Amino acid sequence: MENTLKEFTAMLCGSFDNHEQYDEMTAKGEKSFPFARHVNTVCNDRIKGLPEGFEGIFVLEESYYTIGDNTNAMPHLFLFTMEGDSVKLSSYELPEGIDKKTLNYESLPTLDYSMLKVSEKFTPALYKECDGAWEGGSESMFSPVVRFKLWERFSKECLEVSEIIEVNGKRTFGYDVPLLYKRTNILGQEDKDMETHIKRDEALELLKKYNKEPFHIQHGITVGKVMAWYAGELGYGAEADFWEITGILHDIDFELYPEEHCKKAPELLKDVDAEPEVVHAVCSHGYGICSDVEPMHEMEKVLFAADELTGLIWAAAKMRPSKSTKDMELSSLKKKFKDKRFAAGCSRDTIKEGAERLGWSLDELLERTLKAMQASEDEINSEMEKQD
């Protein structure tokens, strides 16, 4: 799967709303847009039977429009693919029996790829990149007299969306200027760099307060280093400390409270007055296993994907003559991954789901995480020597 497509969907996915634009127009007493919110989530993990080598990315768009006391939900299923140097958006029909009023990613059932149907009414939209933003759209004839015009511009700052419906050439829906959606974080606030006041030394001390086994301490340090590497790799360098602290603390409750894993963590994290974002991220790594907190931010998805995998890589390294990850090749790691008897406690299904949530192939997740481990191994070993 090309990096371009992944970068495009990473920019598009997340939670967005137009409250700033809505509040400004309301304050001026002007006819305002509806208050609108979009939640876009990669959903390849909910679609079975994808062809081998499939490089498209399915996204579930949850759209909510509020006028007065009424909120209307309008979900859509889109497929993004590369077409030359452009990104192509194709709309798919949601299968019969799905309640569109309540549909979200959590309630989206597993869909059979072979049964999905491309919308016959919607003309696929094409987007081209220019100066770090993507712009494009399409015109569709919903009937001989109904025309739908779509124009969008996606950037790291916001999503600009213009949707106009014309009947016999006269506009019956739409606005003179685009709706401006700004990204919101997990708490519904405007997006900003993820920061924490927790220092690395404090995180390590807290980890050791509730974990005495060297293996658990090493695992926390390892995941922290891997997360910091990923922060730089994925363009979140300014948040590297946050990513590392979250990685160190992600299993804070596992040794003492294995039956309450991810449920006891919020209480233990109060020792350092952890920010809500830290608590959410820590709890999200157990989603679907021991937690109902879903990974939403890309950082949380990386943590979900890499956690189990770091254990598998360490186990594979110990079997090598060098006892190191540095001379390990991807092909060797893939063999260990396929051997379900090896490091059986490392869930292959969770690792696969993590790759799907990120919109990555399994090979890409394995290769990137191996590189992160190789780059961090000396620091991890040095850190563990200090613990002895």
Protein backbone atom coordinates (compact mmCIF):
# COMPACT_ATOMS: atom_id res chain seq x y z
CA MET A 1 0.00 0.00 0.00
CA GLU A 2 1.51 3.33 -1.05
CA ASN A 3 2.55 5.82 1.62
CA THR A 4 0.58 8.52 -0.22
CA LEU A 5 -2.72 6.78 0.39
CA LYS A 6 -1.94 6.16 4.06
CA GLU A 7 -0.92 9.78 4.57
CA PHE A 8 -4.12 10.92 2.88
CA THR A 9 -6.40 8.78 5.06
CA ALA A 10 -4.44 9.68 8.21
CA MET A 11 -5.23 13.33 7.44
CA LEU A 12 -8.87 12.50 6.81
CA CYS A 13 -9.53 10.15 9.72
CA GLY A 14 -10.43 11.20 13.23
CA SER A 15 -13.14 13.35 14.78
CA PHE A 16 -14.00 16.79 13.34
CA ASP A 17 -16.66 19.44 13.89
CA ASN A 18 -17.50 22.95 12.67
CA HIS A 19 -18.29 24.50 16.08
CA GLU A 20 -15.93 27.45 15.59
CA GLN A 21 -17.57 28.46 12.32
CA TYR A 22 -21.03 27.70 13.70
CA ASP A 23 -20.50 29.78 16.86
CA GLU A 24 -19.10 32.71 14.89
CA MET A 25 -22.08 32.88 12.53
CA THR A 26 -24.55 32.43 15.38
CA ALA A 27 -22.92 35.26 17.35
CA LYS A 28 -23.32 37.56 14.34
CA GLY A 29 -27.00 36.72 14.12
CA GLU A 30 -26.52 35.38 10.63
CA LYS A 31 -28.26 32.35 9.16
CA SER A 32 -25.86 29.70 10.32
CA PHE A 33 -24.88 26.33 9.09
CA PRO A 34 -26.11 23.36 11.03
CA PHE A 35 -23.75 22.23 13.74
CA ALA A 36 -21.99 19.34 12.02
CA ARG A 37 -19.65 16.59 13.17
CA HIS A 38 -17.76 13.91 11.27
CA VAL A 39 -16.05 10.82 12.67
CA ASN A 40 -13.97 9.02 10.05
CA THR A 41 -12.50 5.60 10.83
CA VAL A 42 -10.53 3.09 8.76
CA CYS A 43 -12.63 -0.08 8.75
CA ASN A 44 -10.75 -2.68 6.68
CA ASP A 45 -10.79 -4.80 9.83
CA ARG A 46 -14.58 -5.03 9.54
CA ILE A 47 -14.54 -6.34 5.96
CA LYS A 48 -13.81 -10.00 5.29
CA GLY A 49 -12.72 -11.56 2.03
CA LEU A 50 -10.53 -8.71 0.82
CA PRO A 51 -8.49 -9.88 -2.19
CA GLU A 52 -4.87 -10.83 -1.60
CA GLY A 53 -2.69 -7.77 -2.00
CA PHE A 54 -5.68 -5.44 -1.62
CA GLU A 55 -4.32 -1.89 -1.37
CA GLY A 56 -7.48 0.13 -0.89
CA ILE A 57 -8.60 1.67 2.40
CA PHE A 58 -12.24 1.54 3.46
CA VAL A 59 -13.41 4.37 5.71
CA LEU A 60 -16.67 4.62 7.61
CA GLU A 61 -17.79 8.25 7.73
CA GLU A 62 -20.23 9.05 10.53
CA SER A 63 -21.87 12.40 9.78
CA TYR A 64 -24.13 14.17 12.27
CA TYR A 65 -26.04 17.38 11.48
CA THR A 66 -27.87 19.26 14.25
CA ILE A 67 -30.50 21.94 13.59
CA GLY A 68 -32.31 23.10 16.70
CA ASP A 69 -33.08 20.05 18.81
CA ASN A 70 -32.91 17.60 15.92
CA THR A 71 -29.80 15.64 14.97
CA ASN A 72 -29.72 13.59 11.78
CA ALA A 73 -27.16 10.84 11.28
CA MET A 74 -25.89 10.14 7.75
CA PRO A 75 -23.24 7.38 7.64
CA HIS A 76 -21.32 6.52 4.47
CA LEU A 77 -18.89 3.79 3.45
CA PHE A 78 -16.08 4.99 1.21
CA LEU A 79 -13.18 3.23 -0.49
CA PHE A 80 -10.00 5.17 -1.17
CA THR A 81 -7.58 3.95 -3.83
CA MET A 82 -4.74 5.41 -5.85
CA GLU A 83 -5.37 6.40 -9.46
CA GLY A 84 -2.13 7.69 -10.89
CA ASP A 85 -0.99 10.50 -8.60
CA SER A 86 -4.57 11.13 -7.44
CA VAL A 87 -6.61 9.59 -4.63
CA LYS A 88 -9.95 8.21 -5.77
CA LEU A 89 -13.03 8.10 -3.52
CA SER A 90 -15.71 5.55 -4.38
CA SER A 91 -18.94 5.38 -2.41
CA TYR A 92 -20.42 2.02 -1.43
CA GLU A 93 -23.97 1.14 -0.51
CA LEU A 94 -24.48 0.13 3.11
CA PRO A 95 -26.06 -3.35 3.18
CA GLU A 96 -29.74 -3.71 3.94
CA GLY A 97 -30.62 -4.30 7.55
CA ILE A 98 -28.11 -1.80 8.94
CA ASP A 99 -29.75 0.91 11.05
CA LYS A 100 -28.24 4.09 9.62
CA LYS A 101 -29.61 6.18 12.50
CA THR A 102 -27.42 4.41 15.05
CA LEU A 103 -24.54 3.09 12.93
CA ASN A 104 -21.02 3.84 14.11
CA TYR A 105 -17.71 2.03 13.93
CA GLU A 106 -18.41 0.08 17.13
CA SER A 107 -21.73 -1.23 15.81
CA LEU A 108 -20.55 -1.84 12.24
CA PRO A 109 -20.93 -5.58 11.62
CA THR A 110 -18.42 -7.62 9.65
CA LEU A 111 -19.17 -7.08 5.96
CA ASP A 112 -18.43 -9.48 3.12
CA TYR A 113 -16.35 -7.73 0.45
CA SER A 114 -17.91 -9.81 -2.32
CA MET A 115 -21.37 -8.56 -1.32
CA LEU A 116 -20.51 -4.86 -1.25
CA LYS A 117 -21.94 -2.75 -4.07
CA VAL A 118 -20.53 0.48 -5.47
CA SER A 119 -23.06 3.31 -5.49
CA GLU A 120 -24.43 3.76 -8.99
CA LYS A 121 -25.55 7.33 -8.31
CA PHE A 122 -22.30 8.76 -6.95
CA THR A 123 -19.56 9.71 -9.40
CA PRO A 124 -16.17 8.83 -7.85
CA ALA A 125 -14.26 11.88 -6.64
CA LEU A 126 -10.60 12.51 -7.43
CA TYR A 127 -8.25 14.46 -5.15
CA LYS A 128 -4.86 15.91 -6.02
CA GLU A 129 -2.16 17.09 -3.63
CA CYS A 130 -0.94 20.68 -3.68
CA ASP A 131 1.29 22.32 -1.05
CA GLY A 132 0.48 19.76 1.62
CA ALA A 133 -3.30 19.81 1.08
CA TRP A 134 -5.59 17.60 -0.99
CA GLU A 135 -8.35 19.09 -3.12
CA GLY A 136 -11.00 17.62 -5.39
CA GLY A 137 -14.56 16.49 -5.83
CA SER A 138 -17.11 15.32 -8.37
CA GLU A 139 -20.55 15.96 -9.81
CA SER A 140 -23.20 13.25 -9.70
CA MET A 141 -26.64 12.97 -11.28
CA PHE A 142 -28.88 11.40 -8.63
CA SER A 143 -31.75 11.54 -11.13
CA PRO A 144 -32.35 13.20 -14.51
CA VAL A 145 -33.13 16.47 -12.68
CA VAL A 146 -31.12 16.20 -9.43
CA ARG A 147 -27.44 17.12 -9.51
CA PHE A 148 -25.07 16.69 -6.53
CA LYS A 149 -21.89 18.78 -6.45
CA LEU A 150 -19.10 17.84 -4.06
CA TRP A 151 -15.91 19.84 -3.45
CA GLU A 152 -13.49 19.18 -0.59
CA ARG A 153 -10.10 20.31 0.61
CA PHE A 154 -8.22 18.36 3.27
CA SER A 155 -5.25 19.71 5.22
CA LYS A 156 -3.74 19.11 8.65
CA GLU A 157 -5.57 22.22 9.86
CA CYS A 158 -9.10 21.43 8.76
CA LEU A 159 -11.48 19.80 6.31
CA GLU A 160 -13.35 22.14 3.95
CA VAL A 161 -16.51 20.61 2.54
CA SER A 162 -19.01 22.00 0.05
CA GLU A 163 -22.08 19.90 -0.82
CA ILE A 164 -24.72 21.37 -3.13
CA ILE A 165 -27.89 19.79 -4.49
CA GLU A 166 -29.58 21.33 -7.51
CA VAL A 167 -33.01 20.44 -8.89
CA ASN A 168 -33.54 21.57 -12.50
CA GLY A 169 -30.53 23.84 -12.11
CA LYS A 170 -31.74 25.58 -8.92
CA ARG A 171 -29.94 25.08 -5.62
CA THR A 172 -32.15 23.42 -3.05
CA PHE A 173 -29.43 22.54 -0.54
CA GLY A 174 -25.99 23.93 0.21
CA TYR A 175 -24.22 27.11 1.26
CA ASP A 176 -22.23 29.91 -0.34
CA VAL A 177 -19.03 28.93 1.47
CA PRO A 178 -17.68 25.54 2.55
CA LEU A 179 -18.26 24.09 6.00
CA LEU A 180 -14.99 24.22 7.95
CA TYR A 181 -14.35 21.19 10.13
CA LYS A 182 -11.52 21.30 12.64
CA ARG A 183 -10.05 18.21 14.22
CA THR A 184 -11.09 17.43 17.77
CA ASN A 185 -9.29 15.13 20.19
CA ILE A 186 -10.73 12.30 22.28
CA LEU A 187 -12.31 14.76 24.70
CA GLY A 188 -14.00 16.81 21.99
CA GLN A 189 -11.57 19.72 22.29
CA GLU A 190 -9.68 21.29 19.41
CA ASP A 191 -6.72 19.16 18.45
CA LYS A 192 -3.31 20.14 19.81
CA ASP A 193 0.00 18.47 20.49
CA MET A 194 -0.44 15.71 23.06
CA GLU A 195 1.52 16.71 26.14
CA THR A 196 2.03 15.42 29.66
CA HIS A 197 3.63 16.91 32.75
CA ILE A 198 4.87 13.45 33.75
CA LYS A 199 8.65 13.16 33.47
CA ARG A 200 10.27 9.98 32.23
CA ASP A 201 11.92 9.30 35.61
CA GLU A 202 8.52 9.67 37.29
CA ALA A 203 6.95 7.24 34.87
CA LEU A 204 9.67 4.67 35.51
CA GLU A 205 9.34 5.02 39.26
CA LEU A 206 5.60 4.54 39.04
CA LEU A 207 6.07 1.51 36.82
CA LYS A 208 8.49 -0.03 39.33
CA LYS A 209 6.19 0.81 42.24
CA TYR A 210 3.55 -1.58 40.91
CA ASN A 211 5.79 -3.96 38.92
CA LYS A 212 8.75 -5.84 40.38
CA GLU A 213 9.36 -8.49 37.72
CA PRO A 214 12.30 -7.46 35.46
CA PHE A 215 10.36 -8.73 32.44
CA HIS A 216 7.51 -6.30 33.07
CA ILE A 217 9.88 -3.40 33.64
CA GLN A 218 11.79 -4.23 30.45
CA HIS A 219 8.53 -4.48 28.54
CA GLY A 220 7.45 -1.02 29.71
CA ILE A 221 10.82 0.50 28.78
CA THR A 222 10.76 -1.29 25.42
CA VAL A 223 7.28 -0.17 24.46
CA GLY A 224 8.17 3.37 25.57
CA LYS A 225 11.24 3.47 23.32
CA VAL A 226 9.33 1.96 20.41
CA MET A 227 6.56 4.52 20.83
CA ALA A 228 9.07 7.39 20.88
CA TRP A 229 10.62 6.01 17.66
CA TYR A 230 7.20 5.84 16.03
CA ALA A 231 6.40 9.42 17.07
CA GLY A 232 9.37 10.63 15.06
CA GLU A 233 8.70 8.25 12.20
CA LEU A 234 5.05 9.32 11.78
CA GLY A 235 5.54 13.08 12.09
CA TYR A 236 4.68 13.49 15.77
CA GLY A 237 8.17 14.41 16.92
CA ALA A 238 6.88 17.19 19.16
CA GLU A 239 4.82 14.58 21.04
CA ALA A 240 7.60 12.00 21.46
CA ASP A 241 7.71 12.42 25.25
CA PHE A 242 3.96 11.81 25.51
CA TRP A 243 4.21 8.73 23.31
CA GLU A 244 7.10 7.33 25.36
CA ILE A 245 5.49 8.01 28.76
CA THR A 246 2.30 6.29 27.64
CA GLY A 247 4.31 3.32 26.42
CA ILE A 248 6.16 3.02 29.72
CA LEU A 249 2.93 3.11 31.73
CA HIS A 250 0.63 1.09 29.48
CA ASP A 251 0.82 -2.08 31.65
CA ILE A 252 0.97 -0.25 34.98
CA ASP A 253 -1.67 -2.52 36.56
CA PHE A 254 -0.85 -5.84 34.92
CA GLU A 255 1.47 -7.46 37.48
CA LEU A 256 -0.58 -6.79 40.61
CA TYR A 257 -4.05 -6.77 39.07
CA PRO A 258 -4.03 -9.09 36.02
CA GLU A 259 -7.77 -9.72 36.32
CA GLU A 260 -8.43 -5.97 36.33
CA HIS A 261 -5.98 -5.04 33.58
CA CYS A 262 -6.80 -1.62 32.07
CA LYS A 263 -9.54 -1.19 34.68
CA LYS A 264 -7.27 -0.57 37.66
CA ALA A 265 -4.91 1.64 35.66
CA PRO A 266 -6.86 4.92 36.04
CA GLU A 267 -6.66 4.60 39.84
CA LEU A 268 -2.91 3.88 39.83
CA LEU A 269 -2.21 6.72 37.41
CA LYS A 270 -3.67 9.17 39.91
CA ASP A 271 -0.34 8.83 41.77
CA VAL A 272 1.18 11.16 39.17
CA ASP A 273 -1.99 13.14 38.31
CA ALA A 274 -1.93 11.69 34.80
CA GLU A 275 -3.79 13.72 32.21
CA PRO A 276 -7.08 12.26 30.85
CA GLU A 277 -5.33 11.74 27.50
CA VAL A 278 -2.69 9.54 29.15
CA VAL A 279 -5.33 7.52 30.97
CA HIS A 280 -7.40 7.08 27.80
CA ALA A 281 -4.37 5.96 25.80
CA VAL A 282 -3.23 3.49 28.47
CA CYS A 283 -6.69 1.92 28.74
CA SER A 284 -7.23 1.81 24.98
CA HIS A 285 -4.43 -0.69 24.35
CA GLY A 286 -6.61 -3.44 25.81
CA TYR A 287 -9.60 -2.66 23.64
CA GLY A 288 -11.73 -5.70 22.85
CA ILE A 289 -9.73 -7.85 25.27
CA CYS A 290 -10.06 -6.30 28.71
CA SER A 291 -11.21 -2.75 27.95
CA ASP A 292 -14.06 -1.01 26.15
CA VAL A 293 -11.96 2.13 25.57
CA GLU A 294 -11.27 2.25 21.85
CA PRO A 295 -7.96 3.49 20.39
CA MET A 296 -8.84 6.61 18.38
CA HIS A 297 -5.71 8.75 18.05
CA GLU A 298 -2.97 7.40 15.77
CA MET A 299 -0.72 7.15 18.83
CA GLU A 300 -3.25 4.85 20.53
CA LYS A 301 -3.52 2.71 17.42
CA VAL A 302 0.27 2.34 17.28
CA LEU A 303 0.33 1.33 20.95
CA PHE A 304 -2.43 -1.22 20.34
CA ALA A 305 -0.54 -2.67 17.36
CA ALA A 306 3.01 -2.65 18.72
CA ASP A 307 2.46 -3.82 22.31
CA GLU A 308 2.11 -7.56 21.64
CA LEU A 309 4.54 -7.40 18.72
CA THR A 310 7.46 -6.10 20.82
CA GLY A 311 7.12 -9.20 23.00
CA LEU A 312 7.22 -11.45 19.96
CA ILE A 313 10.30 -9.70 18.59
CA TRP A 314 12.18 -9.97 21.90
CA ALA A 315 11.30 -13.65 22.11
CA ALA A 316 12.57 -14.20 18.57
CA ALA A 317 15.79 -12.30 19.36
CA LYS A 318 16.53 -14.55 22.35
CA MET A 319 16.50 -17.57 20.03
CA ARG A 320 19.24 -16.11 17.84
CA PRO A 321 22.96 -16.76 18.46
CA SER A 322 23.46 -13.01 18.86
CA LYS A 323 20.55 -12.67 21.31
CA SER A 324 19.89 -9.43 19.45
CA THR A 325 17.34 -7.84 17.14
CA LYS A 326 20.06 -6.02 15.21
CA ASP A 327 20.85 -8.87 12.83
CA MET A 328 17.24 -10.05 12.53
CA GLU A 329 15.68 -9.86 9.09
CA LEU A 330 12.00 -9.38 8.33
CA SER A 331 11.78 -12.84 6.76
CA SER A 332 12.96 -14.41 10.03
CA LEU A 333 10.40 -12.46 12.04
CA LYS A 334 7.62 -13.45 9.64
CA LYS A 335 8.46 -17.13 10.13
CA LYS A 336 8.21 -16.74 13.90
CA PHE A 337 4.93 -14.86 13.50
CA LYS A 338 3.44 -17.68 11.41
CA ASP A 339 4.52 -20.33 13.94
CA LYS A 340 1.66 -20.08 16.41
CA ARG A 341 3.46 -22.37 18.85
CA PHE A 342 6.26 -19.84 19.19
CA ALA A 343 5.62 -17.16 21.84
CA ALA A 344 2.03 -18.37 21.92
CA GLY A 345 1.11 -15.72 24.48
CA CYS A 346 1.62 -12.98 21.87
CA SER A 347 -1.75 -12.64 20.15
CA ARG A 348 -1.36 -12.75 16.37
CA ASP A 349 -4.99 -11.68 15.98
CA THR A 350 -4.40 -8.53 18.04
CA ILE A 351 -1.30 -7.69 16.00
CA LYS A 352 -3.22 -8.17 12.75
CA GLU A 353 -6.08 -6.02 14.02
CA GLY A 354 -3.58 -3.35 14.98
CA ALA A 355 -2.18 -3.24 11.46
CA GLU A 356 -5.69 -2.98 10.02
CA ARG A 357 -6.62 -0.15 12.38
CA LEU A 358 -3.60 1.78 11.16
CA GLY A 359 -4.38 1.01 7.53
CA TRP A 360 -1.03 -0.78 7.20
CA SER A 361 -0.19 -4.18 5.81
CA LEU A 362 0.97 -6.75 8.35
CA ASP A 363 4.43 -6.77 6.74
CA GLU A 364 4.70 -3.01 7.19
CA LEU A 365 3.83 -3.20 10.87
CA LEU A 366 6.35 -6.03 11.39
CA GLU A 367 9.10 -4.23 9.50
CA ARG A 368 8.58 -0.85 11.17
CA THR A 369 8.39 -2.26 14.67
CA LEU A 370 11.49 -4.38 14.07
CA LYS A 371 13.34 -1.24 12.95
CA ALA A 372 12.15 0.55 16.09
CA MET A 373 13.44 -2.28 18.26
CA GLN A 374 16.78 -2.38 16.45
CA ALA A 375 17.21 1.38 16.85
CA SER A 376 16.32 1.23 20.55
CA GLU A 377 18.01 -1.99 21.68
CA ASP A 378 21.20 -0.46 23.09
CA GLU A 379 19.25 2.11 25.12
CA ILE A 380 16.90 -0.56 26.43
CA ASN A 381 19.77 -2.83 27.47
CA SER A 382 21.59 0.06 29.14
CA GLU A 383 18.42 1.02 30.99
CA MET A 384 17.94 -2.55 32.23
CA GLU A 385 21.53 -2.73 33.46
CA LYS A 386 20.75 0.24 35.69
CA GLN A 387 17.81 -1.64 37.17
CA ASP A 388 20.00 -4.53 38.37
